[in-house]
Structure formats: structure tokens, C-alpha cells
PDB file of N, CA and C in Angstrom:
ATOM      1  N   UNK A   1     114.477  91.673  92.464  1.00  0.00           N
ATOM      2  CA  UNK A   1     113.883  92.552  93.449  1.00  0.00           C
ATOM      3  C   UNK A   1     112.381  92.282  93.496  1.00  0.00           C
ATOM      4  N   UNK A   2     111.885  92.067  94.697  1.00  0.00           N
ATOM      5  CA  UNK A   2     110.454  91.870  94.912  1.00  0.00           C
ATOM      6  C   UNK A   2     109.838  93.154  95.431  1.00  0.00           C
ATOM      7  N   UNK A   3     108.527  93.298  95.202  1.00  0.00           N
ATOM      8  CA  UNK A   3     107.803  94.457  95.703  1.00  0.00           C
ATOM      9  C   UNK A   3     106.667  93.991  96.596  1.00  0.00           C
ATOM     10  N   UNK A   4     106.536  94.648  97.740  1.00  0.00           N
ATOM     11  CA  UNK A   4     105.508  94.332  98.722  1.00  0.00           C
ATOM     12  C   UNK A   4     104.649  95.568  98.942  1.00  0.00           C
ATOM     13  N   UNK A   5     103.421  95.339  99.384  1.00  0.00           N
ATOM     14  CA  UNK A   5     102.514  96.444  99.683  1.00  0.00           C
ATOM     15  C   UNK A   5     101.742  96.094 100.948  1.00  0.00           C
ATOM     16  N   UNK A   6     101.632  97.082 101.827  1.00  0.00           N
ATOM     17  CA  UNK A   6     100.910  96.905 103.077  1.00  0.00           C
ATOM     18  C   UNK A   6      99.913  98.046 103.202  1.00  0.00           C
ATOM     19  N   UNK A   7      98.620  97.724 103.125  1.00  0.00           N
ATOM     20  CA  UNK A   7      97.560  98.713 103.272  1.00  0.00           C
ATOM     21  C   UNK A   7      97.045  98.645 104.698  1.00  0.00           C
ATOM     22  N   UNK A   8      97.132  99.776 105.409  1.00  0.00           N
ATOM     23  CA  UNK A   8      96.721  99.823 106.804  1.00  0.00           C
ATOM     24  C   UNK A   8      95.435 100.632 106.904  1.00  0.00           C
ATOM     25  N   UNK A   9      94.426 100.019 107.488  1.00  0.00           N
ATOM     26  CA  UNK A   9      93.126 100.667 107.671  1.00  0.00           C
ATOM     27  C   UNK A   9      92.936 100.973 109.155  1.00  0.00           C
ATOM     28  N   UNK A  10      92.715 102.214 109.499  1.00  0.00           N
ATOM     29  CA  UNK A  10      92.446 102.593 110.879  1.00  0.00           C
ATOM     30  C   UNK A  10      93.696 102.697 111.726  1.00  0.00           C
ATOM     31  N   UNK A  11      93.544 103.188 112.949  1.00  0.00           N
ATOM     32  CA  UNK A  11      94.689 103.362 113.838  1.00  0.00           C
ATOM     33  C   UNK A  11      95.299 102.025 114.244  1.00  0.00           C
ATOM     34  N   UNK A  12      96.598 102.037 114.470  1.00  0.00           N
ATOM     35  CA  UNK A  12      97.322 100.827 114.839  1.00  0.00           C
ATOM     36  C   UNK A  12      97.285 100.599 116.348  1.00  0.00           C
ATOM     37  N   UNK A  13      97.177  99.337 116.717  1.00  0.00           N
ATOM     38  CA  UNK A  13      97.265  98.913 118.106  1.00  0.00           C
ATOM     39  C   UNK A  13      98.678  98.357 118.333  1.00  0.00           C
ATOM     40  N   UNK A  14      99.053  98.174 119.577  1.00  0.00           N
ATOM     41  CA  UNK A  14     100.383  97.679 119.899  1.00  0.00           C
ATOM     42  C   UNK A  14     100.682  96.355 119.202  1.00  0.00           C
ATOM     43  N   UNK A  15      99.729  95.454 119.173  1.00  0.00           N
ATOM     44  CA  UNK A  15      99.949  94.158 118.524  1.00  0.00           C
ATOM     45  C   UNK A  15     100.144  94.303 117.015  1.00  0.00           C
ATOM     46  N   UNK A  16      99.562  95.339 116.422  1.00  0.00           N
ATOM     47  CA  UNK A  16      99.737  95.578 114.990  1.00  0.00           C
ATOM     48  C   UNK A  16     101.192  95.897 114.665  1.00  0.00           C
ATOM     49  N   UNK A  17     101.845  96.658 115.536  1.00  0.00           N
ATOM     50  CA  UNK A  17     103.260  96.987 115.303  1.00  0.00           C
ATOM     51  C   UNK A  17     104.113  95.728 115.293  1.00  0.00           C
ATOM     52  N   UNK A  18     103.799  94.787 116.168  1.00  0.00           N
ATOM     53  CA  UNK A  18     104.528  93.524 116.199  1.00  0.00           C
ATOM     54  C   UNK A  18     104.324  92.752 114.899  1.00  0.00           C
ATOM     55  N   UNK A  19     103.084  92.723 114.411  1.00  0.00           N
ATOM     56  CA  UNK A  19     102.792  92.038 113.147  1.00  0.00           C
ATOM     57  C   UNK A  19     103.499  92.704 111.974  1.00  0.00           C
ATOM     58  N   UNK A  20     103.521  94.026 111.970  1.00  0.00           N
ATOM     59  CA  UNK A  20     104.198  94.762 110.897  1.00  0.00           C
ATOM     60  C   UNK A  20     105.693  94.490 110.943  1.00  0.00           C
ATOM     61  N   UNK A  21     106.257  94.450 112.146  1.00  0.00           N
ATOM     62  CA  UNK A  21     107.678  94.155 112.293  1.00  0.00           C
ATOM     63  C   UNK A  21     107.999  92.760 111.749  1.00  0.00           C
ATOM     64  N   UNK A  22     107.135  91.792 112.040  1.00  0.00           N
ATOM     65  CA  UNK A  22     107.310  90.442 111.502  1.00  0.00           C
ATOM     66  C   UNK A  22     107.229  90.453 109.973  1.00  0.00           C
ATOM     67  N   UNK A  23     106.287  91.212 109.433  1.00  0.00           N
ATOM     68  CA  UNK A  23     106.115  91.320 107.978  1.00  0.00           C
ATOM     69  C   UNK A  23     107.373  91.898 107.337  1.00  0.00           C
ATOM     70  N   UNK A  24     107.954  92.925 107.969  1.00  0.00           N
ATOM     71  CA  UNK A  24     109.157  93.546 107.413  1.00  0.00           C
ATOM     72  C   UNK A  24     110.342  92.580 107.435  1.00  0.00           C
ATOM     73  N   UNK A  25     110.308  91.595 108.346  1.00  0.00           N
ATOM     74  CA  UNK A  25     111.365  90.596 108.394  1.00  0.00           C
ATOM     75  C   UNK A  25     111.379  89.686 107.182  1.00  0.00           C
ATOM     76  N   UNK A  26     110.266  89.579 106.492  1.00  0.00           N
ATOM     77  CA  UNK A  26     110.160  88.745 105.291  1.00  0.00           C
ATOM     78  C   UNK A  26     110.803  89.431 104.085  1.00  0.00           C
ATOM     79  N   UNK A  27     110.850  90.734 104.100  1.00  0.00           N
ATOM     80  CA  UNK A  27     111.341  91.511 102.963  1.00  0.00           C
ATOM     81  C   UNK A  27     112.859  91.385 102.886  1.00  0.00           C
ATOM     82  N   UNK A  28     113.349  90.961 101.727  1.00  0.00           N
ATOM     83  CA  UNK A  28     114.770  90.705 101.548  1.00  0.00           C
ATOM     84  C   UNK A  28     115.554  91.930 101.089  1.00  0.00           C
ATOM     85  N   UNK A  29     116.864  91.730 100.971  1.00  0.00           N
ATOM     86  CA  UNK A  29     117.745  92.800 100.514  1.00  0.00           C
ATOM     87  C   UNK A  29     117.325  93.279  99.131  1.00  0.00           C
ATOM     88  N   UNK A  30     117.357  94.582  98.958  1.00  0.00           N
ATOM     89  CA  UNK A  30     117.032  95.257  97.697  1.00  0.00           C
ATOM     90  C   UNK A  30     115.560  95.122  97.298  1.00  0.00           C
ATOM     91  N   UNK A  31     114.720  94.572  98.160  1.00  0.00           N
ATOM     92  CA  UNK A  31     113.280  94.520  97.901  1.00  0.00           C
ATOM     93  C   UNK A  31     112.657  95.860  98.293  1.00  0.00           C
ATOM     94  N   UNK A  32     111.497  96.125  97.744  1.00  0.00           N
ATOM     95  CA  UNK A  32     110.805  97.383  98.017  1.00  0.00           C
ATOM     96  C   UNK A  32     109.448  97.117  98.647  1.00  0.00           C
ATOM     97  N   UNK A  33     109.059  98.013  99.556  1.00  0.00           N
ATOM     98  CA  UNK A  33     107.757  97.921 100.211  1.00  0.00           C
ATOM     99  C   UNK A  33     107.067  99.281 100.129  1.00  0.00           C
ATOM    100  N   UNK A  34     105.774  99.254  99.892  1.00  0.00           N
ATOM    101  CA  UNK A  34     104.957 100.456  99.929  1.00  0.00           C
ATOM    102  C   UNK A  34     103.914 100.262 101.019  1.00  0.00           C
ATOM    103  N   UNK A  35     103.888 101.204 101.957  1.00  0.00           N
ATOM    104  CA  UNK A  35     102.914 101.176 103.040  1.00  0.00           C
ATOM    105  C   UNK A  35     101.920 102.304 102.794  1.00  0.00           C
ATOM    106  N   UNK A  36     100.637 101.978 102.839  1.00  0.00           N
ATOM    107  CA  UNK A  36      99.574 102.957 102.605  1.00  0.00           C
ATOM    108  C   UNK A  36      98.788 103.087 103.910  1.00  0.00           C
ATOM    109  N   UNK A  37      98.647 104.334 104.394  1.00  0.00           N
ATOM    110  CA  UNK A  37      97.978 104.585 105.666  1.00  0.00           C
ATOM    111  C   UNK A  37      97.216 105.905 105.587  1.00  0.00           C
ATOM    112  N   UNK A  38      96.162 106.026 106.359  1.00  0.00           N
ATOM    113  CA  UNK A  38      95.349 107.236 106.396  1.00  0.00           C
ATOM    114  C   UNK A  38      96.200 108.438 106.815  1.00  0.00           C
ATOM    115  N   UNK A  39      96.069 109.550 106.125  1.00  0.00           N
ATOM    116  CA  UNK A  39      96.913 110.729 106.367  1.00  0.00           C
ATOM    117  C   UNK A  39      96.703 111.348 107.743  1.00  0.00           C
ATOM    118  N   UNK A  40      95.590 111.067 108.403  1.00  0.00           N
ATOM    119  CA  UNK A  40      95.314 111.636 109.718  1.00  0.00           C
ATOM    120  C   UNK A  40      96.008 110.897 110.860  1.00  0.00           C
ATOM    121  N   UNK A  41      96.636 109.779 110.576  1.00  0.00           N
ATOM    122  CA  UNK A  41      97.276 108.962 111.608  1.00  0.00           C
ATOM    123  C   UNK A  41      98.763 109.341 111.733  1.00  0.00           C
ATOM    124  N   UNK A  42      99.010 110.590 112.080  1.00  0.00           N
ATOM    125  CA  UNK A  42     100.362 111.152 112.084  1.00  0.00           C
ATOM    126  C   UNK A  42     101.303 110.356 112.989  1.00  0.00           C
ATOM    127  N   UNK A  43     100.869 110.019 114.188  1.00  0.00           N
ATOM    128  CA  UNK A  43     101.722 109.270 115.107  1.00  0.00           C
ATOM    129  C   UNK A  43     102.102 107.909 114.567  1.00  0.00           C
ATOM    130  N   UNK A  44     101.145 107.225 113.939  1.00  0.00           N
ATOM    131  CA  UNK A  44     101.430 105.920 113.340  1.00  0.00           C
ATOM    132  C   UNK A  44     102.377 106.052 112.161  1.00  0.00           C
ATOM    133  N   UNK A  45     102.220 107.102 111.377  1.00  0.00           N
ATOM    134  CA  UNK A  45     103.098 107.332 110.224  1.00  0.00           C
ATOM    135  C   UNK A  45     104.536 107.519 110.699  1.00  0.00           C
ATOM    136  N   UNK A  46     104.722 108.315 111.736  1.00  0.00           N
ATOM    137  CA  UNK A  46     106.073 108.545 112.269  1.00  0.00           C
ATOM    138  C   UNK A  46     106.669 107.262 112.841  1.00  0.00           C
ATOM    139  N   UNK A  47     105.862 106.474 113.535  1.00  0.00           N
ATOM    140  CA  UNK A  47     106.345 105.219 114.098  1.00  0.00           C
ATOM    141  C   UNK A  47     106.747 104.246 112.996  1.00  0.00           C
ATOM    142  N   UNK A  48     105.961 104.182 111.931  1.00  0.00           N
ATOM    143  CA  UNK A  48     106.304 103.310 110.812  1.00  0.00           C
ATOM    144  C   UNK A  48     107.623 103.740 110.171  1.00  0.00           C
ATOM    145  N   UNK A  49     107.826 105.047 110.049  1.00  0.00           N
ATOM    146  CA  UNK A  49     109.089 105.555 109.510  1.00  0.00           C
ATOM    147  C   UNK A  49     110.265 105.147 110.390  1.00  0.00           C
ATOM    148  N   UNK A  50     110.100 105.235 111.688  1.00  0.00           N
ATOM    149  CA  UNK A  50     111.155 104.821 112.617  1.00  0.00           C
ATOM    150  C   UNK A  50     111.428 103.324 112.515  1.00  0.00           C
ATOM    151  N   UNK A  51     110.358 102.538 112.381  1.00  0.00           N
ATOM    152  CA  UNK A  51     110.532 101.092 112.237  1.00  0.00           C
ATOM    153  C   UNK A  51     111.295 100.755 110.964  1.00  0.00           C
ATOM    154  N   UNK A  52     110.960 101.432 109.888  1.00  0.00           N
ATOM    155  CA  UNK A  52     111.653 101.185 108.623  1.00  0.00           C
ATOM    156  C   UNK A  52     113.123 101.561 108.733  1.00  0.00           C
ATOM    157  N   UNK A  53     113.401 102.721 109.275  1.00  0.00           N
ATOM    158  CA  UNK A  53     114.797 103.150 109.416  1.00  0.00           C
ATOM    159  C   UNK A  53     115.582 102.196 110.307  1.00  0.00           C
ATOM    160  N   UNK A  54     114.967 101.720 111.371  1.00  0.00           N
ATOM    161  CA  UNK A  54     115.631 100.794 112.269  1.00  0.00           C
ATOM    162  C   UNK A  54     115.766  99.385 111.713  1.00  0.00           C
ATOM    163  N   UNK A  55     115.036  99.090 110.655  1.00  0.00           N
ATOM    164  CA  UNK A  55     115.049  97.761 110.047  1.00  0.00           C
ATOM    165  C   UNK A  55     115.884  97.690 108.795  1.00  0.00           C
ATOM    166  N   UNK A  56     116.830  98.601 108.648  1.00  0.00           N
ATOM    167  CA  UNK A  56     117.741  98.613 107.486  1.00  0.00           C
ATOM    168  C   UNK A  56     117.044  98.988 106.183  1.00  0.00           C
ATOM    169  N   UNK A  57     116.009  99.792 106.274  1.00  0.00           N
ATOM    170  CA  UNK A  57     115.312 100.282 105.088  1.00  0.00           C
ATOM    171  C   UNK A  57     115.708 101.730 104.832  1.00  0.00           C
ATOM    172  N   UNK A  58     115.688 102.119 103.584  1.00  0.00           N
ATOM    173  CA  UNK A  58     115.851 103.507 103.191  1.00  0.00           C
ATOM    174  C   UNK A  58     114.512 103.978 102.647  1.00  0.00           C
ATOM    175  N   UNK A  59     113.968 105.040 103.236  1.00  0.00           N
ATOM    176  CA  UNK A  59     112.702 105.576 102.761  1.00  0.00           C
ATOM    177  C   UNK A  59     112.968 106.397 101.507  1.00  0.00           C
ATOM    178  N   UNK A  60     112.321 106.022 100.412  1.00  0.00           N
ATOM    179  CA  UNK A  60     112.511 106.709  99.143  1.00  0.00           C
ATOM    180  C   UNK A  60     111.529 107.855  98.982  1.00  0.00           C
ATOM    181  N   UNK A  61     110.273 107.598  99.295  1.00  0.00           N
ATOM    182  CA  UNK A  61     109.255 108.646  99.198  1.00  0.00           C
ATOM    183  C   UNK A  61     108.301 108.521 100.359  1.00  0.00           C
ATOM    184  N   UNK A  62     107.751 109.639 100.743  1.00  0.00           N
ATOM    185  CA  UNK A  62     106.745 109.666 101.808  1.00  0.00           C
ATOM    186  C   UNK A  62     105.864 110.859 101.505  1.00  0.00           C
ATOM    187  N   UNK A  63     104.649 110.595 101.053  1.00  0.00           N
ATOM    188  CA  UNK A  63     103.797 111.714 100.704  1.00  0.00           C
ATOM    189  C   UNK A  63     102.349 111.328 100.537  1.00  0.00           C
ATOM    190  N   UNK A  64     101.518 112.346 100.474  1.00  0.00           N
ATOM    191  CA  UNK A  64     100.085 112.148 100.365  1.00  0.00           C
ATOM    192  C   UNK A  64      99.607 112.177  98.932  1.00  0.00           C
ATOM    193  N   UNK A  65      98.455 111.673  98.755  1.00  0.00           N
ATOM    194  CA  UNK A  65      97.784 111.668  97.461  1.00  0.00           C
ATOM    195  C   UNK A  65      96.389 112.237  97.644  1.00  0.00           C
ATOM    196  N   UNK A  66      95.670 112.372  96.566  1.00  0.00           N
ATOM    197  CA  UNK A  66      94.323 112.931  96.605  1.00  0.00           C
ATOM    198  C   UNK A  66      93.338 112.049  97.363  1.00  0.00           C
ATOM    199  N   UNK A  67      93.663 110.801  97.577  1.00  0.00           N
ATOM    200  CA  UNK A  67      92.726 109.876  98.215  1.00  0.00           C
ATOM    201  C   UNK A  67      92.829 109.870  99.739  1.00  0.00           C
ATOM    202  N   UNK A  68      93.438 110.916 100.338  1.00  0.00           N
ATOM    203  CA  UNK A  68      93.527 111.065 101.792  1.00  0.00           C
ATOM    204  C   UNK A  68      94.424 110.021 102.455  1.00  0.00           C
ATOM    205  N   UNK A  69      95.342 109.439 101.699  1.00  0.00           N
ATOM    206  CA  UNK A  69      96.258 108.428 102.209  1.00  0.00           C
ATOM    207  C   UNK A  69      97.691 108.945 102.102  1.00  0.00           C
ATOM    208  N   UNK A  70      98.571 108.384 102.921  1.00  0.00           N
ATOM    209  CA  UNK A  70     100.001 108.636 102.825  1.00  0.00           C
ATOM    210  C   UNK A  70     100.644 107.354 102.317  1.00  0.00           C
ATOM    211  N   UNK A  71     101.537 107.507 101.361  1.00  0.00           N
ATOM    212  CA  UNK A  71     102.249 106.388 100.771  1.00  0.00           C
ATOM    213  C   UNK A  71     103.714 106.492 101.186  1.00  0.00           C
ATOM    214  N   UNK A  72     104.214 105.460 101.851  1.00  0.00           N
ATOM    215  CA  UNK A  72     105.621 105.412 102.237  1.00  0.00           C
ATOM    216  C   UNK A  72     106.251 104.301 101.428  1.00  0.00           C
ATOM    217  N   UNK A  73     107.213 104.636 100.589  1.00  0.00           N
ATOM    218  CA  UNK A  73     107.920 103.652  99.790  1.00  0.00           C
ATOM    219  C   UNK A  73     109.352 103.569 100.285  1.00  0.00           C
ATOM    220  N   UNK A  74     109.797 102.340 100.547  1.00  0.00           N
ATOM    221  CA  UNK A  74     111.139 102.133 101.070  1.00  0.00           C
ATOM    222  C   UNK A  74     111.736 100.876 100.462  1.00  0.00           C
ATOM    223  N   UNK A  75     113.054 100.810 100.476  1.00  0.00           N
ATOM    224  CA  UNK A  75     113.703  99.566 100.049  1.00  0.00           C
ATOM    225  C   UNK A  75     114.706  99.140 101.113  1.00  0.00           C
ATOM    226  N   UNK A  76     114.876  97.848 101.219  1.00  0.00           N
ATOM    227  CA  UNK A  76     115.819  97.302 102.197  1.00  0.00           C
ATOM    228  C   UNK A  76     117.208  97.374 101.593  1.00  0.00           C
ATOM    229  N   UNK A  77     118.123  97.895 102.360  1.00  0.00           N
ATOM    230  CA  UNK A  77     119.504  98.056 101.922  1.00  0.00           C
ATOM    231  C   UNK A  77     120.160  96.702 101.721  1.00  0.00           C
ATOM    232  N   UNK A  78     120.961  96.616 100.672  1.00  0.00           N
ATOM    233  CA  UNK A  78     121.775  95.431 100.450  1.00  0.00           C
ATOM    234  C   UNK A  78     123.096  95.563 101.199  1.00  0.00           C
ATOM    235  N   UNK A  79     123.676  94.455 101.565  1.00  0.00           N
ATOM    236  CA  UNK A  79     124.937  94.515 102.322  1.00  0.00           C
ATOM    237  C   UNK A  79     126.115  94.301 101.422  1.00  0.00           C
TER     238      UNK A  79
END
């Protein structure tokens, strides 16, 4: 099992979603990814959750920390 991390700074643009989708395509079965994003970017957080769910990922945790960030941890389902 491999672990990936994606730190997102600032609001996402349409092209960023395409890049993130490409990045998620690299993640293999049973691998885990942690996405870190500013807690004020609620719309982007929800969109990332939808992308993960639609990409065969299971979200394990989604929550904030003291550093004003939201951490979304997910793993890709094995077949």
C-alpha cells in the first residue's frame, strides 16, 4: 500500500480539478491519499469529496485541525 499527499493552497480553478482528477488516476488499489485544504474553501472541499467518491475511493476521515486546514483521508477500494 502506497500513501499519497496533496496539499492545496488557495481556491481551486476549473483546470485544477482536471489536474487533481489525473493525480487520483495514479493512485492504485488499496492505496491511501490525504488531501489538505484550507477550511474556508467549503465548496472545494465538497467537490473533492464527490470526486473521491466517484473515483472508487472510500473517505476514511474528513476533519479540521488547529492549523485552519481540513484533512481528507481516503483509500481506493480494491476489486
